């Protein structure tokens, strides 16, 4: 059984050595890969001296790094973790056990704060909001979708179509697992402060809007009938509100005095019908694409199989 530890890094010189050494302690059989994403400090040098296999991804953004790692590295099971030293590496064997013994395709590390300084209120609220949106749309039971500590099976990694560039990759990973109806688990793990002097690369508002936009695009791709059907219903409702007064006036006087409004009603009705048909067509295309993704997933054999 081959285990690969994947650590995307950008300017984590203060913490990366301890992260690598902790994995060597708790998962001595694993190969540890550090992908340096154009760091301007000594991250790559320190990671290599600590015993990690260091590679470079020149395209900036965590999404690019994850796409590269998933494509380059072959193993039976994977653990991906941020290199900032905030996650409890001692939980790694438990994550592997869940992947192996319960045949999970993804295990999500739910963060339990041991310190509060590192987890800003804006990040906490954003995570709660975004996780809630995804949970309501995709009927999920995750409570910490944006955690950077996750375990994967080979089948998950090799069937994952990465399209994200930045931190919204966590959202896409979660939604991929949900839309494919894969066996997933969530496990609690301590979440500590960053190493003193280290700073977060996340921007609460900028990355929050990026993730919201990514969710919107994914809803259009994965639940197109809900999206276009909702727009169709809204347009039909507005059309009805505008039409009732005109109809009542016609019943009383036999006249239609508001021709511009009547023209607008016709346009709204046409748009509503177009959205409804678009939703139906794209829903059928989405179902066909999901079937192809499912076949790709099933074609990959796990070591235990």
Protein backbone atom coordinates (compact mmCIF):
# COMPACT_ATOMS: atom_id res chain seq x y z
CA UNK A 1 0.00 0.00 0.00
CA UNK A 2 1.55 3.27 -1.13
CA UNK A 3 0.68 6.50 0.70
CA UNK A 4 1.51 9.96 -0.63
CA UNK A 5 1.42 13.13 1.45
CA UNK A 6 0.73 16.20 -0.67
CA UNK A 7 1.70 19.60 0.73
CA UNK A 8 1.05 22.68 -1.43
CA UNK A 9 3.24 25.53 -0.22
CA UNK A 10 3.71 29.23 -0.71
CA UNK A 11 6.10 31.02 1.66
CA UNK A 12 5.87 28.56 4.56
CA UNK A 13 9.58 28.49 5.52
CA UNK A 14 8.76 28.94 9.21
CA UNK A 15 6.55 25.88 9.49
CA UNK A 16 7.27 23.43 6.65
CA UNK A 17 10.14 21.62 8.40
CA UNK A 18 7.99 20.65 11.36
CA UNK A 19 5.13 19.56 9.11
CA UNK A 20 7.43 17.24 7.14
CA UNK A 21 9.07 15.84 10.29
CA UNK A 22 5.65 15.19 11.88
CA UNK A 23 4.56 13.17 8.87
CA UNK A 24 7.78 11.19 9.03
CA UNK A 25 6.91 10.39 12.64
CA UNK A 26 3.23 9.51 12.24
CA UNK A 27 3.30 8.09 8.68
CA UNK A 28 6.86 6.78 8.26
CA UNK A 29 5.86 4.63 5.27
CA UNK A 30 4.53 7.60 3.28
CA UNK A 31 6.28 9.58 0.57
CA UNK A 32 6.09 13.28 1.32
CA UNK A 33 5.75 15.69 -1.60
CA UNK A 34 6.06 19.44 -1.17
CA UNK A 35 4.97 21.49 -4.18
CA UNK A 36 6.46 24.95 -3.97
CA UNK A 37 4.29 27.60 -5.64
CA UNK A 38 6.86 30.34 -6.40
CA UNK A 39 7.83 30.97 -2.78
CA UNK A 40 10.12 33.94 -2.20
CA UNK A 41 11.56 32.49 1.02
CA UNK A 42 13.49 29.27 1.75
CA UNK A 43 10.43 26.96 1.76
CA UNK A 44 11.74 24.59 -0.91
CA UNK A 45 15.26 24.37 0.57
CA UNK A 46 14.00 23.69 4.09
CA UNK A 47 11.45 21.10 2.90
CA UNK A 48 14.13 19.22 0.95
CA UNK A 49 16.55 19.24 3.88
CA UNK A 50 13.77 17.83 6.08
CA UNK A 51 13.43 14.84 3.73
CA UNK A 52 10.54 15.80 1.47
CA UNK A 53 10.44 15.36 -2.29
CA UNK A 54 10.23 18.94 -3.55
CA UNK A 55 8.71 19.97 -6.85
CA UNK A 56 7.74 23.34 -8.30
CA UNK A 57 4.51 24.61 -9.83
CA UNK A 58 5.00 27.94 -11.60
CA UNK A 59 1.32 28.76 -12.15
CA UNK A 60 0.27 30.72 -9.09
CA UNK A 61 -2.70 29.47 -7.10
CA UNK A 62 -3.55 26.46 -4.95
CA UNK A 63 -5.89 25.08 -7.61
CA UNK A 64 -3.00 24.85 -10.10
CA UNK A 65 -0.86 23.11 -7.50
CA UNK A 66 -3.55 20.54 -6.63
CA UNK A 67 -4.18 19.85 -10.32
CA UNK A 68 -0.46 19.23 -10.82
CA UNK A 69 -0.10 17.03 -7.72
CA UNK A 70 -3.12 14.88 -8.58
CA UNK A 71 -1.81 14.39 -12.09
CA UNK A 72 1.85 13.75 -11.27
CA UNK A 73 1.76 11.47 -8.25
CA UNK A 74 0.60 7.87 -8.21
CA UNK A 75 -0.27 6.16 -4.93
CA UNK A 76 -3.01 4.08 -3.36
CA UNK A 77 -4.00 6.68 -0.77
CA UNK A 78 -3.32 10.39 -0.46
CA UNK A 79 -3.32 12.94 2.34
CA UNK A 80 -3.35 16.61 1.41
CA UNK A 81 -2.58 19.26 4.01
CA UNK A 82 -1.54 22.90 4.04
CA UNK A 83 2.06 23.57 4.99
CA UNK A 84 1.28 26.24 7.58
CA UNK A 85 1.57 23.96 10.59
CA UNK A 86 -1.97 24.56 11.85
CA UNK A 87 -3.27 21.00 11.40
CA UNK A 88 -2.80 18.05 13.73
CA UNK A 89 -0.56 15.63 11.83
CA UNK A 90 -1.07 12.94 14.47
CA UNK A 91 -4.55 12.38 12.98
CA UNK A 92 -3.05 11.20 9.67
CA UNK A 93 -3.04 7.46 10.61
CA UNK A 94 -6.73 7.69 11.54
CA UNK A 95 -7.52 9.30 8.20
CA UNK A 96 -5.71 6.48 6.40
CA UNK A 97 -7.55 3.89 8.49
CA UNK A 98 -10.90 5.37 7.48
CA UNK A 99 -9.89 5.38 3.82
CA UNK A 100 -8.75 1.76 3.98
CA UNK A 101 -11.04 0.03 6.47
CA UNK A 102 -14.26 1.85 5.61
CA UNK A 103 -13.47 2.09 1.89
CA UNK A 104 -13.96 5.87 1.90
CA UNK A 105 -13.01 7.96 -1.08
CA UNK A 106 -12.59 11.15 0.91
CA UNK A 107 -12.07 11.98 4.58
CA UNK A 108 -12.44 15.63 5.56
CA UNK A 109 -10.59 17.02 8.58
CA UNK A 110 -13.08 19.14 10.51
CA UNK A 111 -11.19 21.87 12.35
CA UNK A 112 -11.63 22.12 16.12
CA UNK A 113 -9.97 25.28 17.35
CA UNK A 114 -7.37 24.81 20.05
CA UNK A 115 -6.49 28.49 19.65
CA UNK A 116 -8.76 31.25 18.40
CA UNK A 117 -6.33 33.85 17.09
CA UNK A 118 -5.69 32.04 13.81
CA UNK A 119 -9.30 31.56 12.78
CA UNK A 120 -10.61 35.07 12.13
CA UNK A 121 -14.31 35.80 12.56
CA UNK A 122 -14.64 36.63 8.88
CA UNK A 123 -13.14 33.26 7.90
CA UNK A 124 -15.34 31.44 10.40
CA UNK A 125 -18.53 33.11 9.15
CA UNK A 126 -17.54 32.64 5.50
CA UNK A 127 -16.84 28.95 6.03
CA UNK A 128 -20.18 28.50 7.83
CA UNK A 129 -22.07 30.33 5.07
CA UNK A 130 -20.40 28.58 2.13
CA UNK A 131 -20.62 25.15 3.75
CA UNK A 132 -24.31 25.77 4.45
CA UNK A 133 -24.98 26.77 0.85
CA UNK A 134 -23.31 23.66 -0.53
CA UNK A 135 -24.99 21.46 2.09
CA UNK A 136 -28.45 22.76 1.18
CA UNK A 137 -27.90 22.36 -2.57
CA UNK A 138 -26.14 19.01 -2.56
CA UNK A 139 -27.69 17.45 0.59
CA UNK A 140 -24.30 17.26 2.31
CA UNK A 141 -23.40 16.59 5.93
CA UNK A 142 -20.03 18.35 5.95
CA UNK A 143 -19.54 21.08 8.54
CA UNK A 144 -16.10 22.36 7.47
CA UNK A 145 -15.97 22.28 3.69
CA UNK A 146 -12.97 24.62 3.41
CA UNK A 147 -10.62 22.58 5.59
CA UNK A 148 -7.21 22.13 4.01
CA UNK A 149 -6.71 18.70 5.63
CA UNK A 150 -8.17 15.86 3.58
CA UNK A 151 -7.55 12.23 2.72
CA UNK A 152 -8.35 10.65 -0.65
CA UNK A 153 -8.45 7.30 -2.35
CA UNK A 154 -6.71 6.75 -5.66
CA UNK A 155 -10.10 6.48 -7.35
CA UNK A 156 -11.01 9.97 -6.15
CA UNK A 157 -7.75 11.63 -7.11
CA UNK A 158 -7.51 10.11 -10.57
CA UNK A 159 -11.14 10.85 -11.47
CA UNK A 160 -11.16 14.43 -10.15
CA UNK A 161 -11.52 17.08 -12.88
CA UNK A 162 -9.77 20.09 -11.39
CA UNK A 163 -10.92 23.40 -12.88
CA UNK A 164 -10.06 25.84 -10.08
CA UNK A 165 -7.08 28.17 -9.84
CA UNK A 166 -7.08 29.26 -6.19
CA UNK A 167 -8.50 28.43 -2.77
CA UNK A 168 -11.90 27.61 -4.26
CA UNK A 169 -10.36 24.21 -5.04
CA UNK A 170 -11.60 23.01 -1.62
CA UNK A 171 -15.16 23.74 -2.72
CA UNK A 172 -14.76 21.88 -5.99
CA UNK A 173 -13.25 18.85 -4.22
CA UNK A 174 -16.22 18.65 -1.86
CA UNK A 175 -18.82 19.07 -4.58
CA UNK A 176 -17.12 16.41 -6.72
CA UNK A 177 -17.49 13.92 -3.87
CA UNK A 178 -21.13 14.88 -3.31
CA UNK A 179 -22.30 14.86 -6.92
CA UNK A 180 -20.65 11.47 -7.49
CA UNK A 181 -22.29 10.17 -4.30
CA UNK A 182 -18.94 8.84 -3.06
CA UNK A 183 -18.42 7.34 0.40
CA UNK A 184 -17.06 10.18 2.54
CA UNK A 185 -16.41 10.82 6.22
CA UNK A 186 -15.56 13.81 8.38
CA UNK A 187 -13.19 13.53 11.32
CA UNK A 188 -12.42 16.13 13.98
CA UNK A 189 -8.87 17.47 14.12
CA UNK A 190 -7.26 20.19 16.22
CA UNK A 191 -6.60 23.50 14.54
CA UNK A 192 -3.83 25.63 16.04
CA UNK A 193 -2.32 29.05 15.49
CA UNK A 194 0.20 29.59 12.76
CA UNK A 195 3.88 29.66 13.60
CA UNK A 196 4.80 33.06 14.98
CA UNK A 197 5.77 35.36 12.12
CA UNK A 198 3.81 33.38 9.53
CA UNK A 199 0.82 35.01 7.84
CA UNK A 200 -2.27 33.58 6.16
CA UNK A 201 -2.50 33.76 2.37
CA UNK A 202 -6.29 33.94 2.53
CA UNK A 203 -8.16 37.19 1.94
CA UNK A 204 -11.52 36.96 3.72
CA UNK A 205 -13.53 38.97 1.20
CA UNK A 206 -11.63 38.39 -2.04
CA UNK A 207 -11.37 34.62 -1.63
CA UNK A 208 -14.90 34.47 -0.20
CA UNK A 209 -16.32 36.05 -3.36
CA UNK A 210 -14.19 33.74 -5.49
CA UNK A 211 -15.62 30.72 -3.68
CA UNK A 212 -19.17 32.05 -3.99
CA UNK A 213 -18.60 32.55 -7.71
CA UNK A 214 -17.18 29.03 -7.96
CA UNK A 215 -20.27 27.66 -6.20
CA UNK A 216 -22.52 29.56 -8.62
CA UNK A 217 -20.68 28.10 -11.62
CA UNK A 218 -20.78 24.62 -10.12
CA UNK A 219 -24.52 24.91 -9.46
CA UNK A 220 -25.02 25.88 -13.11
CA UNK A 221 -22.90 22.91 -14.19
CA UNK A 222 -24.15 20.30 -11.73
CA UNK A 223 -27.75 21.44 -11.02
CA UNK A 224 -28.71 23.34 -14.18
CA UNK A 225 -32.44 22.64 -13.95
CA UNK A 226 -32.57 24.12 -10.44
CA UNK A 227 -30.73 27.23 -11.67
CA UNK A 228 -32.53 27.83 -14.95
CA UNK A 229 -35.84 26.52 -13.59
CA UNK A 230 -35.61 29.00 -10.73
CA UNK A 231 -35.04 31.87 -13.16
CA UNK A 232 -37.93 30.62 -15.29
CA UNK A 233 -40.24 30.54 -12.27
CA UNK A 234 -39.17 34.05 -11.20
CA UNK A 235 -39.81 35.49 -14.67
CA UNK A 236 -43.18 33.73 -14.85
CA UNK A 237 -44.12 35.11 -11.43
CA UNK A 238 -43.23 38.69 -12.45
CA UNK A 239 -45.17 38.22 -15.69
CA UNK A 240 -48.23 37.09 -13.71
CA UNK A 241 -48.02 40.06 -11.33
CA UNK A 242 -47.95 42.46 -14.29
CA UNK A 243 -50.67 40.64 -16.22
CA UNK A 244 -53.36 40.48 -13.50
CA UNK A 245 -54.13 44.26 -13.41
CA UNK A 246 -54.28 44.39 -17.22
CA UNK A 247 -56.59 41.37 -17.33
CA UNK A 248 -58.84 42.87 -14.66
CA UNK A 249 -59.01 46.16 -16.58
CA UNK A 250 -59.90 44.28 -19.76
CA UNK A 251 -62.69 42.42 -17.98
CA UNK A 252 -64.18 45.69 -16.76
CA UNK A 253 -63.80 47.89 -19.83
CA UNK A 254 -62.94 45.59 -22.73
CA UNK A 255 -59.85 47.75 -23.35
CA UNK A 256 -56.13 47.14 -23.00
CA UNK A 257 -54.66 50.56 -22.16
CA UNK A 258 -51.08 49.48 -21.28
CA UNK A 259 -49.60 48.08 -24.48
CA UNK A 260 -45.93 48.63 -23.41
CA UNK A 261 -46.58 46.57 -20.28
CA UNK A 262 -48.29 43.92 -22.39
CA UNK A 263 -45.24 43.76 -24.67
CA UNK A 264 -43.01 43.40 -21.60
CA UNK A 265 -45.23 40.55 -20.37
CA UNK A 266 -44.78 38.79 -23.70
CA UNK A 267 -41.00 39.16 -23.48
CA UNK A 268 -40.99 37.85 -19.92
CA UNK A 269 -43.10 34.87 -20.96
CA UNK A 270 -40.77 34.07 -23.85
CA UNK A 271 -37.70 34.40 -21.63
CA UNK A 272 -39.30 32.17 -19.00
CA UNK A 273 -39.97 29.49 -21.59
CA UNK A 274 -36.43 29.73 -22.98
CA UNK A 275 -34.95 29.33 -19.47
CA UNK A 276 -37.16 26.32 -18.81
CA UNK A 277 -36.12 24.60 -22.06
CA UNK A 278 -32.46 25.49 -21.41
CA UNK A 279 -32.72 23.90 -17.97
CA UNK A 280 -34.20 20.71 -19.38
CA UNK A 281 -31.56 20.40 -22.12
CA UNK A 282 -28.58 21.16 -19.88
CA UNK A 283 -29.90 18.80 -17.19
CA UNK A 284 -29.85 15.93 -19.68
CA UNK A 285 -26.32 16.87 -20.75
CA UNK A 286 -25.24 17.01 -17.11
CA UNK A 287 -26.62 13.55 -16.48
CA UNK A 288 -24.66 12.20 -19.47
CA UNK A 289 -21.47 13.87 -18.21
CA UNK A 290 -21.97 12.43 -14.72
CA UNK A 291 -22.36 8.97 -16.20
CA UNK A 292 -19.03 9.39 -18.01
CA UNK A 293 -17.36 10.61 -14.81
CA UNK A 294 -18.79 7.66 -12.93
CA UNK A 295 -17.44 5.25 -15.54
CA UNK A 296 -14.00 6.89 -15.25
CA UNK A 297 -14.18 6.52 -11.47
CA UNK A 298 -15.20 2.85 -11.68
CA UNK A 299 -12.40 2.08 -14.14
CA UNK A 300 -9.75 2.86 -11.49
CA UNK A 301 -8.87 -0.05 -9.22
CA UNK A 302 -7.98 0.44 -5.56
CA UNK A 303 -5.20 -1.62 -3.95
CA UNK A 304 -7.72 -3.37 -1.66
CA UNK A 305 -9.70 -4.49 -4.70
